[in-house]
Amino acid sequence: MMMIERFSSMGLVNRNSHTQSSSMLLVSTAFINSQSSLAHL
């Protein structure tokens, strides 16, 4: 859960860099998806 908070805070800090924030969003989304799929196993 700490990683998700860190990704969201980094996305907020780097909001003026569109590519960096969008890549952070993709990484955090992939991380959340992998965590939820692991939780269902």
N, C-alpha and C. Protein backbone atom coordinates (compact mmCIF):
# COMPACT_ATOMS: atom_id res chain seq x y z
N MET A 1 0.84 -1.22 0.00
CA MET A 1 0.00 0.00 0.00
C MET A 1 0.87 1.27 0.00
N MET A 2 2.05 1.17 0.59
CA MET A 2 2.95 2.33 0.62
C MET A 2 3.38 2.72 -0.79
N MET A 3 3.59 1.72 -1.65
CA MET A 3 4.03 1.98 -3.03
C MET A 3 2.98 2.79 -3.78
N ILE A 4 1.70 2.47 -3.57
CA ILE A 4 0.62 3.18 -4.26
C ILE A 4 0.61 4.65 -3.83
N GLU A 5 0.76 4.89 -2.53
CA GLU A 5 0.80 6.28 -2.04
C GLU A 5 2.01 7.02 -2.61
N ARG A 6 3.13 6.33 -2.71
CA ARG A 6 4.34 6.95 -3.24
C ARG A 6 4.15 7.30 -4.72
N PHE A 7 3.54 6.38 -5.49
CA PHE A 7 3.30 6.65 -6.91
C PHE A 7 2.35 7.84 -7.07
N SER A 8 1.29 7.89 -6.27
CA SER A 8 0.32 8.99 -6.41
C SER A 8 0.95 10.32 -6.02
N SER A 9 1.78 10.33 -4.98
CA SER A 9 2.43 11.58 -4.58
C SER A 9 3.45 12.02 -5.63
N MET A 10 4.16 11.06 -6.24
CA MET A 10 5.11 11.40 -7.30
C MET A 10 4.36 11.93 -8.52
N GLY A 11 3.19 11.37 -8.81
CA GLY A 11 2.38 11.85 -9.92
C GLY A 11 1.92 13.28 -9.68
N LEU A 12 1.58 13.60 -8.41
CA LEU A 12 1.15 14.96 -8.09
C LEU A 12 2.31 15.93 -8.22
N VAL A 13 3.49 15.51 -7.79
CA VAL A 13 4.67 16.38 -7.87
C VAL A 13 5.06 16.63 -9.32
N ASN A 14 4.95 15.59 -10.15
CA ASN A 14 5.40 15.69 -11.55
C ASN A 14 4.23 15.98 -12.49
N ARG A 15 3.21 16.68 -12.00
CA ARG A 15 2.01 16.90 -12.80
C ARG A 15 2.32 17.72 -14.06
N ASN A 16 3.27 18.67 -13.98
CA ASN A 16 3.58 19.51 -15.14
C ASN A 16 4.33 18.72 -16.21
N SER A 17 4.90 17.57 -15.87
CA SER A 17 5.50 16.70 -16.89
C SER A 17 4.48 15.64 -17.28
N HIS A 18 3.84 15.85 -18.44
CA HIS A 18 2.70 15.00 -18.82
C HIS A 18 3.13 13.55 -19.04
N THR A 19 4.23 13.34 -19.73
CA THR A 19 4.66 11.97 -20.02
C THR A 19 5.06 11.23 -18.75
N GLN A 20 5.70 11.94 -17.84
CA GLN A 20 6.14 11.29 -16.61
C GLN A 20 4.94 10.93 -15.73
N SER A 21 3.96 11.83 -15.62
CA SER A 21 2.79 11.54 -14.79
C SER A 21 1.95 10.43 -15.41
N SER A 22 1.84 10.42 -16.76
CA SER A 22 1.05 9.37 -17.40
C SER A 22 1.73 8.01 -17.25
N SER A 23 3.06 7.98 -17.33
CA SER A 23 3.78 6.72 -17.13
C SER A 23 3.64 6.26 -15.68
N MET A 24 3.65 7.19 -14.73
CA MET A 24 3.42 6.85 -13.33
C MET A 24 2.03 6.26 -13.16
N LEU A 25 1.05 6.85 -13.85
CA LEU A 25 -0.32 6.35 -13.76
C LEU A 25 -0.39 4.93 -14.30
N LEU A 26 0.27 4.67 -15.41
CA LEU A 26 0.29 3.32 -15.99
C LEU A 26 0.95 2.33 -15.04
N VAL A 27 2.06 2.74 -14.45
CA VAL A 27 2.78 1.85 -13.53
C VAL A 27 1.94 1.56 -12.29
N SER A 28 1.32 2.59 -11.72
CA SER A 28 0.51 2.38 -10.52
C SER A 28 -0.73 1.55 -10.84
N THR A 29 -1.33 1.76 -12.02
CA THR A 29 -2.49 0.96 -12.42
C THR A 29 -2.10 -0.50 -12.59
N ALA A 30 -0.97 -0.75 -13.23
CA ALA A 30 -0.50 -2.12 -13.41
C ALA A 30 -0.19 -2.76 -12.06
N PHE A 31 0.38 -1.98 -11.14
CA PHE A 31 0.71 -2.48 -9.81
C PHE A 31 -0.56 -2.86 -9.05
N ILE A 32 -1.59 -2.00 -9.11
CA ILE A 32 -2.86 -2.26 -8.44
C ILE A 32 -3.52 -3.50 -9.04
N ASN A 33 -3.48 -3.63 -10.37
CA ASN A 33 -4.08 -4.79 -11.03
C ASN A 33 -3.37 -6.08 -10.62
N SER A 34 -2.05 -6.06 -10.54
CA SER A 34 -1.31 -7.25 -10.15
C SER A 34 -1.59 -7.60 -8.69
N GLN A 35 -1.70 -6.58 -7.84
CA GLN A 35 -1.99 -6.81 -6.43
C GLN A 35 -3.38 -7.42 -6.25
N SER A 36 -4.37 -6.92 -6.99
CA SER A 36 -5.73 -7.43 -6.85
C SER A 36 -5.82 -8.86 -7.39
N SER A 37 -5.12 -9.15 -8.50
CA SER A 37 -5.15 -10.50 -9.06
C SER A 37 -4.44 -11.48 -8.11
N LEU A 38 -3.37 -11.03 -7.46
CA LEU A 38 -2.69 -11.87 -6.48
C LEU A 38 -3.57 -12.12 -5.26
N ALA A 39 -4.36 -11.13 -4.89
CA ALA A 39 -5.24 -11.27 -3.73
C ALA A 39 -6.34 -12.29 -4.01
N HIS A 40 -6.76 -12.40 -5.27
CA HIS A 40 -7.83 -13.34 -5.61
C HIS A 40 -7.32 -14.78 -5.66
N LEU A 41 -6.01 -14.99 -5.81
CA LEU A 41 -5.47 -16.35 -5.90
C LEU A 41 -5.59 -17.10 -4.58
